[in-house]
Amino acid sequence: MYTEADVMKAFKKISVIILLLIPLSGFSQKWKLSRSEYIYGIGISNYFGDIGGSESADASRFLDLDFGASRPVLTGGYRYKLYELVSVKGGLSYANIHGTDVKSSNEGRNYAFTTNMLELQGQIEFHILKEQQMVSYKIMSMRGKLQKFNAGINLYVFGGIGGAFFMTKAKDNFVDSDRFESKNLTLAFPLGFGLKYPLSSTTYIGLEMGARYTTSDFIDGFHPDMSEFNDVYYFTVINVSTKIKRTKKTREYRF
């Protein structure tokens, strides 16, 4: 004979199994319920151009970066999923970019600059590792409360196009140089990768690293005769993104 306690234990086990299976069957379409998200970030900028760099004139582009000249970046944006593995994102960034000849191969020249920049850009993201959401249950399982399920790192690569407005200020020996030339606009082509990890069902923390290849050689205000490449700047940003849940009043485009 089964007692009432035995029946309740069996019912509890069956309930937990059903609750585990329901999310699994719905995960393939779950992303459509929260396609949109807001993104806020803070990080650092770095620059590769004609002022500053490493002490070796033969250093590679990455090693030629002066990480001591890193400056702050603030970002905000909006992401929308077109498909489960493809997203588009628009963003606005404020950055301070700095370069100096101190401790570089051109230290004797003693040029330096700083610029405040606003960048508006759009990018398309291709997800290599599928985005997964955290699911919470508020019933007791056979081994206690089940808090997290299906949480994992999301990896994506991105590319895009944007524009930047910047105001360059000469410093040190560059102040009185007739080689300083002020220009303010450039196209920028972001290229890089990002990571996301869920903190809750609606909140993610992420890291995004990307280069901006530009159409200008005047972000530093300097275009020497021997220069063969335009200036490049880099953003490394830690961000938090918040999902926008669909409601009866929220309509989203269907693909």
C-alpha atoms as a PDB file:
ATOM      1  CA  MET A   1       0.000   0.000   0.000  1.00  0.00           C
ATOM      2  CA  TYR A   2       1.247   3.454  -0.908  1.00  0.00           C
ATOM      3  CA  THR A   3       0.957   6.026   1.799  1.00  0.00           C
ATOM      4  CA  GLU A   4       0.049   9.641   1.168  1.00  0.00           C
ATOM      5  CA  ALA A   5       3.708  10.575   1.819  1.00  0.00           C
ATOM      6  CA  ASP A   6       4.886   8.152  -0.907  1.00  0.00           C
ATOM      7  CA  VAL A   7       2.420   9.658  -3.389  1.00  0.00           C
ATOM      8  CA  MET A   8       3.588  13.192  -2.588  1.00  0.00           C
ATOM      9  CA  LYS A   9       7.246  12.212  -3.040  1.00  0.00           C
ATOM     10  CA  ALA A  10       6.500  10.591  -6.413  1.00  0.00           C
ATOM     11  CA  PHE A  11       4.468  13.638  -7.486  1.00  0.00           C
ATOM     12  CA  LYS A  12       7.333  15.951  -6.528  1.00  0.00           C
ATOM     13  CA  LYS A  13       9.859  13.924  -8.562  1.00  0.00           C
ATOM     14  CA  ILE A  14       7.587  13.856 -11.623  1.00  0.00           C
ATOM     15  CA  SER A  15       7.015  17.610 -11.329  1.00  0.00           C
ATOM     16  CA  VAL A  16      10.772  18.306 -11.307  1.00  0.00           C
ATOM     17  CA  ILE A  17      11.304  16.104 -14.393  1.00  0.00           C
ATOM     18  CA  ILE A  18       8.488  17.854 -16.287  1.00  0.00           C
ATOM     19  CA  LEU A  19       9.877  21.281 -15.389  1.00  0.00           C
ATOM     20  CA  LEU A  20      13.290  20.224 -16.701  1.00  0.00           C
ATOM     21  CA  LEU A  21      11.883  18.938 -19.978  1.00  0.00           C
ATOM     22  CA  ILE A  22       9.641  21.925 -20.756  1.00  0.00           C
ATOM     23  CA  PRO A  23      12.528  24.433 -21.025  1.00  0.00           C
ATOM     24  CA  LEU A  24      14.538  22.016 -23.174  1.00  0.00           C
ATOM     25  CA  SER A  25      11.708  21.744 -25.688  1.00  0.00           C
ATOM     26  CA  GLY A  26      11.247  25.502 -25.802  1.00  0.00           C
ATOM     27  CA  PHE A  27      14.894  26.708 -25.849  1.00  0.00           C
ATOM     28  CA  SER A  28      15.124  26.514 -29.645  1.00  0.00           C
ATOM     29  CA  GLN A  29      12.549  29.335 -29.911  1.00  0.00           C
ATOM     30  CA  LYS A  30      13.076  31.052 -26.551  1.00  0.00           C
ATOM     31  CA  TRP A  31      15.410  33.675 -28.034  1.00  0.00           C
ATOM     32  CA  LYS A  32      12.472  35.162 -29.969  1.00  0.00           C
ATOM     33  CA  LEU A  33      10.851  36.242 -26.704  1.00  0.00           C
ATOM     34  CA  SER A  34      13.704  38.645 -25.867  1.00  0.00           C
ATOM     35  CA  ARG A  35      15.364  39.753 -29.074  1.00  0.00           C
ATOM     36  CA  SER A  36      16.194  43.265 -27.885  1.00  0.00           C
ATOM     37  CA  GLU A  37      18.597  44.505 -25.237  1.00  0.00           C
ATOM     38  CA  TYR A  38      20.215  47.683 -23.954  1.00  0.00           C
ATOM     39  CA  ILE A  39      23.987  47.723 -23.442  1.00  0.00           C
ATOM     40  CA  TYR A  40      26.127  49.918 -21.163  1.00  0.00           C
ATOM     41  CA  GLY A  41      29.895  49.685 -20.919  1.00  0.00           C
ATOM     42  CA  ILE A  42      33.119  51.152 -19.594  1.00  0.00           C
ATOM     43  CA  GLY A  43      36.648  50.403 -20.743  1.00  0.00           C
ATOM     44  CA  ILE A  44      39.904  51.702 -22.171  1.00  0.00           C
ATOM     45  CA  SER A  45      41.073  53.078 -25.516  1.00  0.00           C
ATOM     46  CA  ASN A  46      44.428  52.547 -27.208  1.00  0.00           C
ATOM     47  CA  TYR A  47      45.883  54.049 -30.352  1.00  0.00           C
ATOM     48  CA  PHE A  48      48.260  53.081 -33.146  1.00  0.00           C
ATOM     49  CA  GLY A  49      49.536  55.917 -35.311  1.00  0.00           C
ATOM     50  CA  ASP A  50      52.471  58.245 -35.913  1.00  0.00           C
ATOM     51  CA  ILE A  51      53.091  59.423 -32.344  1.00  0.00           C
ATOM     52  CA  GLY A  52      54.273  57.178 -29.512  1.00  0.00           C
ATOM     53  CA  GLY A  53      54.599  53.411 -29.635  1.00  0.00           C
ATOM     54  CA  SER A  54      57.245  51.095 -28.245  1.00  0.00           C
ATOM     55  CA  GLU A  55      60.966  51.720 -27.867  1.00  0.00           C
ATOM     56  CA  SER A  56      61.700  49.416 -30.817  1.00  0.00           C
ATOM     57  CA  ALA A  57      61.046  50.812 -34.292  1.00  0.00           C
ATOM     58  CA  ASP A  58      60.729  47.235 -35.614  1.00  0.00           C
ATOM     59  CA  ALA A  59      57.955  46.137 -33.194  1.00  0.00           C
ATOM     60  CA  SER A  60      54.793  44.551 -34.565  1.00  0.00           C
ATOM     61  CA  ARG A  61      51.572  46.575 -34.566  1.00  0.00           C
ATOM     62  CA  PHE A  62      50.279  44.952 -31.365  1.00  0.00           C
ATOM     63  CA  LEU A  63      53.595  45.275 -29.515  1.00  0.00           C
ATOM     64  CA  ASP A  64      53.920  48.854 -30.779  1.00  0.00           C
ATOM     65  CA  LEU A  65      50.914  49.895 -28.696  1.00  0.00           C
ATOM     66  CA  ASP A  66      51.682  52.040 -25.679  1.00  0.00           C
ATOM     67  CA  PHE A  67      49.445  50.534 -22.996  1.00  0.00           C
ATOM     68  CA  GLY A  68      50.589  53.229 -20.583  1.00  0.00           C
ATOM     69  CA  ALA A  69      48.704  55.712 -22.778  1.00  0.00           C
ATOM     70  CA  SER A  70      45.369  53.905 -22.270  1.00  0.00           C
ATOM     71  CA  ARG A  71      42.453  56.253 -21.642  1.00  0.00           C
ATOM     72  CA  PRO A  72      38.771  55.790 -20.649  1.00  0.00           C
ATOM     73  CA  VAL A  73      35.848  54.816 -22.885  1.00  0.00           C
ATOM     74  CA  LEU A  74      32.120  55.005 -22.129  1.00  0.00           C
ATOM     75  CA  THR A  75      29.651  53.185 -24.383  1.00  0.00           C
ATOM     76  CA  GLY A  76      25.914  52.679 -24.763  1.00  0.00           C
ATOM     77  CA  GLY A  77      23.961  50.756 -27.367  1.00  0.00           C
ATOM     78  CA  TYR A  78      21.039  48.671 -28.506  1.00  0.00           C
ATOM     79  CA  ARG A  79      21.201  45.101 -29.857  1.00  0.00           C
ATOM     80  CA  TYR A  80      18.544  43.251 -31.841  1.00  0.00           C
ATOM     81  CA  LYS A  81      18.606  39.583 -32.840  1.00  0.00           C
ATOM     82  CA  LEU A  82      17.735  39.019 -36.478  1.00  0.00           C
ATOM     83  CA  TYR A  83      18.249  35.279 -36.115  1.00  0.00           C
ATOM     84  CA  GLU A  84      19.426  33.072 -33.279  1.00  0.00           C
ATOM     85  CA  LEU A  85      23.071  33.355 -34.380  1.00  0.00           C
ATOM     86  CA  VAL A  86      22.983  36.796 -36.043  1.00  0.00           C
ATOM     87  CA  SER A  87      22.493  40.154 -34.301  1.00  0.00           C
ATOM     88  CA  VAL A  88      22.792  43.810 -35.223  1.00  0.00           C
ATOM     89  CA  LYS A  89      23.919  46.514 -32.817  1.00  0.00           C
ATOM     90  CA  GLY A  90      24.028  50.291 -32.844  1.00  0.00           C
ATOM     91  CA  GLY A  91      26.160  52.178 -30.369  1.00  0.00           C
ATOM     92  CA  LEU A  92      27.444  55.569 -29.263  1.00  0.00           C
ATOM     93  CA  SER A  93      30.832  55.856 -27.564  1.00  0.00           C
ATOM     94  CA  TYR A  94      32.791  58.617 -25.894  1.00  0.00           C
ATOM     95  CA  ALA A  95      36.549  58.077 -25.735  1.00  0.00           C
ATOM     96  CA  ASN A  96      39.657  59.978 -24.806  1.00  0.00           C
ATOM     97  CA  ILE A  97      42.631  58.946 -26.967  1.00  0.00           C
ATOM     98  CA  HIS A  98      46.218  59.787 -26.077  1.00  0.00           C
ATOM     99  CA  GLY A  99      49.684  59.259 -27.487  1.00  0.00           C
ATOM    100  CA  THR A 100      53.174  60.387 -26.504  1.00  0.00           C
ATOM    101  CA  ASP A 101      56.722  59.929 -27.753  1.00  0.00           C
ATOM    102  CA  VAL A 102      57.962  59.374 -24.199  1.00  0.00           C
ATOM    103  CA  LYS A 103      59.628  55.926 -23.983  1.00  0.00           C
ATOM    104  CA  SER A 104      59.132  55.394 -27.727  1.00  0.00           C
ATOM    105  CA  SER A 105      61.623  55.109 -30.574  1.00  0.00           C
ATOM    106  CA  ASN A 106      60.976  58.837 -31.261  1.00  0.00           C
ATOM    107  CA  GLU A 107      61.467  60.046 -27.686  1.00  0.00           C
ATOM    108  CA  GLY A 108      63.849  62.798 -28.749  1.00  0.00           C
ATOM    109  CA  ARG A 109      61.098  64.375 -30.868  1.00  0.00           C
ATOM    110  CA  ASN A 110      58.854  64.663 -27.760  1.00  0.00           C
ATOM    111  CA  TYR A 111      55.525  64.937 -29.555  1.00  0.00           C
ATOM    112  CA  ALA A 112      52.274  64.186 -27.730  1.00  0.00           C
ATOM    113  CA  PHE A 113      48.551  64.645 -28.302  1.00  0.00           C
ATOM    114  CA  THR A 114      45.174  64.034 -26.746  1.00  0.00           C
ATOM    115  CA  THR A 115      41.764  63.923 -28.384  1.00  0.00           C
ATOM    116  CA  ASN A 116      38.175  63.654 -27.232  1.00  0.00           C
ATOM    117  CA  MET A 117      36.086  61.541 -29.584  1.00  0.00           C
ATOM    118  CA  LEU A 118      32.433  60.699 -30.178  1.00  0.00           C
ATOM    119  CA  GLU A 119      31.838  57.584 -32.261  1.00  0.00           C
ATOM    120  CA  LEU A 120      28.523  56.444 -33.717  1.00  0.00           C
ATOM    121  CA  GLN A 121      28.600  52.988 -35.306  1.00  0.00           C
ATOM    122  CA  GLY A 122      26.565  49.994 -36.355  1.00  0.00           C
ATOM    123  CA  GLN A 123      27.778  46.416 -36.475  1.00  0.00           C
ATOM    124  CA  ILE A 124      26.631  42.930 -37.328  1.00  0.00           C
ATOM    125  CA  GLU A 125      27.482  40.072 -34.984  1.00  0.00           C
ATOM    126  CA  PHE A 126      27.902  36.391 -35.804  1.00  0.00           C
ATOM    127  CA  HIS A 127      27.594  34.117 -32.776  1.00  0.00           C
ATOM    128  CA  ILE A 128      30.053  31.213 -32.690  1.00  0.00           C
ATOM    129  CA  LEU A 129      28.777  29.885 -29.366  1.00  0.00           C
ATOM    130  CA  LYS A 130      24.993  30.104 -29.023  1.00  0.00           C
ATOM    131  CA  GLU A 131      23.643  32.471 -26.407  1.00  0.00           C
ATOM    132  CA  GLN A 132      22.178  30.593 -23.451  1.00  0.00           C
ATOM    133  CA  GLN A 133      19.911  31.920 -20.751  1.00  0.00           C
ATOM    134  CA  MET A 134      19.803  31.213 -17.047  1.00  0.00           C
ATOM    135  CA  VAL A 135      16.622  29.515 -15.796  1.00  0.00           C
ATOM    136  CA  SER A 136      15.545  29.545 -12.133  1.00  0.00           C
ATOM    137  CA  TYR A 137      13.107  27.223 -10.372  1.00  0.00           C
ATOM    138  CA  LYS A 138      11.429  27.996  -7.068  1.00  0.00           C
ATOM    139  CA  ILE A 139      10.422  24.508  -6.021  1.00  0.00           C
ATOM    140  CA  MET A 140      12.425  22.008  -4.053  1.00  0.00           C
ATOM    141  CA  SER A 141      14.129  19.361  -6.148  1.00  0.00           C
ATOM    142  CA  MET A 142      15.232  15.948  -4.947  1.00  0.00           C
ATOM    143  CA  ARG A 143      18.571  17.469  -3.855  1.00  0.00           C
ATOM    144  CA  GLY A 144      17.423  20.899  -2.808  1.00  0.00           C
ATOM    145  CA  LYS A 145      16.599  24.112  -4.624  1.00  0.00           C
ATOM    146  CA  LEU A 146      17.581  24.131  -8.299  1.00  0.00           C
ATOM    147  CA  GLN A 147      18.905  27.623  -9.042  1.00  0.00           C
ATOM    148  CA  LYS A 148      20.713  27.586 -12.383  1.00  0.00           C
ATOM    149  CA  PHE A 149      20.312  25.689 -15.609  1.00  0.00           C
ATOM    150  CA  ASN A 150      21.726  26.063 -19.125  1.00  0.00           C
ATOM    151  CA  ALA A 151      24.022  29.018 -18.328  1.00  0.00           C
ATOM    152  CA  GLY A 152      27.072  29.332 -20.573  1.00  0.00           C
ATOM    153  CA  ILE A 153      29.473  31.701 -22.317  1.00  0.00           C
ATOM    154  CA  ASN A 154      28.379  33.249 -25.603  1.00  0.00           C
ATOM    155  CA  LEU A 155      31.182  34.026 -28.103  1.00  0.00           C
ATOM    156  CA  TYR A 156      30.687  36.227 -31.162  1.00  0.00           C
ATOM    157  CA  VAL A 157      32.677  38.125 -33.780  1.00  0.00           C
ATOM    158  CA  PHE A 158      31.618  41.432 -35.289  1.00  0.00           C
ATOM    159  CA  GLY A 159      32.283  43.907 -38.067  1.00  0.00           C
ATOM    160  CA  GLY A 160      30.639  47.165 -39.057  1.00  0.00           C
ATOM    161  CA  ILE A 161      30.878  50.789 -40.084  1.00  0.00           C
ATOM    162  CA  GLY A 162      30.626  54.070 -38.250  1.00  0.00           C
ATOM    163  CA  GLY A 163      31.761  57.646 -38.053  1.00  0.00           C
ATOM    164  CA  ALA A 164      33.808  59.521 -35.471  1.00  0.00           C
ATOM    165  CA  PHE A 165      34.070  63.192 -34.577  1.00  0.00           C
ATOM    166  CA  PHE A 166      37.256  64.121 -32.744  1.00  0.00           C
ATOM    167  CA  MET A 167      39.034  67.242 -31.480  1.00  0.00           C
ATOM    168  CA  THR A 168      42.805  66.823 -31.300  1.00  0.00           C
ATOM    169  CA  LYS A 169      45.006  68.916 -29.022  1.00  0.00           C
ATOM    170  CA  ALA A 170      48.784  69.058 -29.483  1.00  0.00           C
ATOM    171  CA  LYS A 171      51.012  68.661 -26.409  1.00  0.00           C
ATOM    172  CA  ASP A 172      54.703  69.005 -25.453  1.00  0.00           C
ATOM    173  CA  ASN A 173      56.962  69.895 -28.429  1.00  0.00           C
ATOM    174  CA  PHE A 174      54.065  69.276 -30.818  1.00  0.00           C
ATOM    175  CA  VAL A 175      52.295  72.448 -29.592  1.00  0.00           C
ATOM    176  CA  ASP A 176      54.476  74.849 -31.566  1.00  0.00           C
ATOM    177  CA  SER A 177      55.091  72.548 -34.528  1.00  0.00           C
ATOM    178  CA  ASP A 178      53.922  73.616 -37.978  1.00  0.00           C
ATOM    179  CA  ARG A 179      53.396  69.866 -38.658  1.00  0.00           C
ATOM    180  CA  PHE A 180      50.274  69.803 -36.465  1.00  0.00           C
ATOM    181  CA  GLU A 181      47.103  69.716 -38.559  1.00  0.00           C
ATOM    182  CA  SER A 182      43.628  69.637 -37.081  1.00  0.00           C
ATOM    183  CA  LYS A 183      40.916  67.577 -38.779  1.00  0.00           C
ATOM    184  CA  ASN A 184      37.755  66.341 -37.106  1.00  0.00           C
ATOM    185  CA  LEU A 185      35.955  63.582 -38.998  1.00  0.00           C
ATOM    186  CA  THR A 186      36.668  60.034 -40.115  1.00  0.00           C
ATOM    187  CA  LEU A 187      34.903  56.869 -41.119  1.00  0.00           C
ATOM    188  CA  ALA A 188      35.615  53.941 -38.801  1.00  0.00           C
ATOM    189  CA  PHE A 189      35.325  50.222 -39.489  1.00  0.00           C
ATOM    190  CA  PRO A 190      35.075  48.182 -36.251  1.00  0.00           C
ATOM    191  CA  LEU A 191      36.288  44.600 -36.229  1.00  0.00           C
ATOM    192  CA  GLY A 192      36.649  42.333 -33.205  1.00  0.00           C
ATOM    193  CA  PHE A 193      35.070  39.786 -30.871  1.00  0.00           C
ATOM    194  CA  GLY A 194      32.976  39.661 -27.724  1.00  0.00           C
ATOM    195  CA  LEU A 195      31.943  37.403 -24.838  1.00  0.00           C
ATOM    196  CA  LYS A 196      28.701  37.325 -22.824  1.00  0.00           C
ATOM    197  CA  TYR A 197      27.692  35.428 -19.704  1.00  0.00           C
ATOM    198  CA  PRO A 198      24.273  35.485 -17.985  1.00  0.00           C
ATOM    199  CA  LEU A 199      23.983  36.839 -14.452  1.00  0.00           C
ATOM    200  CA  SER A 200      20.232  36.312 -14.486  1.00  0.00           C
ATOM    201  CA  SER A 201      17.510  35.556 -17.025  1.00  0.00           C
ATOM    202  CA  THR A 202      17.584  39.207 -18.200  1.00  0.00           C
ATOM    203  CA  THR A 203      21.066  40.515 -17.341  1.00  0.00           C
ATOM    204  CA  TYR A 204      24.395  39.635 -18.953  1.00  0.00           C
ATOM    205  CA  ILE A 205      27.974  40.717 -18.310  1.00  0.00           C
ATOM    206  CA  GLY A 206      30.321  40.883 -21.275  1.00  0.00           C
ATOM    207  CA  LEU A 207      33.731  41.769 -22.638  1.00  0.00           C
ATOM    208  CA  GLU A 208      34.233  43.246 -26.099  1.00  0.00           C
ATOM    209  CA  MET A 209      37.562  43.943 -27.815  1.00  0.00           C
ATOM    210  CA  GLY A 210      37.801  45.582 -31.203  1.00  0.00           C
ATOM    211  CA  ALA A 211      39.928  47.676 -33.526  1.00  0.00           C
ATOM    212  CA  ARG A 212      38.640  50.670 -35.477  1.00  0.00           C
ATOM    213  CA  TYR A 213      40.289  51.003 -38.879  1.00  0.00           C
ATOM    214  CA  THR A 214      39.858  54.578 -40.083  1.00  0.00           C
ATOM    215  CA  THR A 215      40.028  56.622 -43.268  1.00  0.00           C
ATOM    216  CA  SER A 216      42.063  59.363 -41.542  1.00  0.00           C
ATOM    217  CA  ASP A 217      45.714  59.777 -40.644  1.00  0.00           C
ATOM    218  CA  PHE A 218      44.961  62.853 -38.530  1.00  0.00           C
ATOM    219  CA  ILE A 219      43.489  61.491 -35.303  1.00  0.00           C
ATOM    220  CA  ASP A 220      46.830  62.428 -33.752  1.00  0.00           C
ATOM    221  CA  GLY A 221      47.034  65.623 -35.844  1.00  0.00           C
ATOM    222  CA  PHE A 222      50.175  64.361 -37.566  1.00  0.00           C
ATOM    223  CA  HIS A 223      50.752  62.972 -41.049  1.00  0.00           C
ATOM    224  CA  PRO A 224      54.489  62.531 -41.713  1.00  0.00           C
ATOM    225  CA  ASP A 225      55.721  62.175 -45.275  1.00  0.00           C
ATOM    226  CA  MET A 226      56.817  58.576 -44.667  1.00  0.00           C
ATOM    227  CA  SER A 227      53.451  57.472 -43.230  1.00  0.00           C
ATOM    228  CA  GLU A 228      51.896  54.589 -45.194  1.00  0.00           C
ATOM    229  CA  PHE A 229      48.875  53.759 -43.031  1.00  0.00           C
ATOM    230  CA  ASN A 230      45.908  55.551 -41.522  1.00  0.00           C
ATOM    231  CA  ASP A 231      45.476  55.742 -37.751  1.00  0.00           C
ATOM    232  CA  VAL A 232      43.847  52.871 -35.860  1.00  0.00           C
ATOM    233  CA  TYR A 233      42.301  52.969 -32.405  1.00  0.00           C
ATOM    234  CA  TYR A 234      41.146  50.152 -30.132  1.00  0.00           C
ATOM    235  CA  PHE A 235      38.378  49.769 -27.556  1.00  0.00           C
ATOM    236  CA  THR A 236      38.386  47.158 -24.787  1.00  0.00           C
ATOM    237  CA  VAL A 237      35.071  47.368 -22.931  1.00  0.00           C
ATOM    238  CA  ILE A 238      33.389  45.544 -20.057  1.00  0.00           C
ATOM    239  CA  ASN A 239      29.644  45.861 -20.518  1.00  0.00           C
ATOM    240  CA  VAL A 240      26.320  44.948 -18.959  1.00  0.00           C
ATOM    241  CA  SER A 241      23.343  44.171 -21.190  1.00  0.00           C
ATOM    242  CA  THR A 242      19.691  44.013 -20.157  1.00  0.00           C
ATOM    243  CA  LYS A 243      17.102  42.032 -22.100  1.00  0.00           C
ATOM    244  CA  ILE A 244      13.874  43.762 -23.087  1.00  0.00           C
ATOM    245  CA  LYS A 245      11.119  41.246 -22.454  1.00  0.00           C
ATOM    246  CA  ARG A 246       8.229  41.131 -24.883  1.00  0.00           C
ATOM    247  CA  THR A 247       4.867  42.245 -23.515  1.00  0.00           C
ATOM    248  CA  LYS A 248       1.417  42.713 -24.991  1.00  0.00           C
ATOM    249  CA  LYS A 249       2.327  46.337 -25.701  1.00  0.00           C
ATOM    250  CA  THR A 250       5.695  45.454 -27.240  1.00  0.00           C
ATOM    251  CA  ARG A 251       5.771  44.516 -30.902  1.00  0.00           C
ATOM    252  CA  GLU A 252       8.901  43.124 -32.538  1.00  0.00           C
ATOM    253  CA  TYR A 253       9.685  42.417 -36.155  1.00  0.00           C
ATOM    254  CA  ARG A 254       9.458  38.803 -37.169  1.00  0.00           C
ATOM    255  CA  PHE A 255      11.983  37.023 -39.383  1.00  0.00           C
END
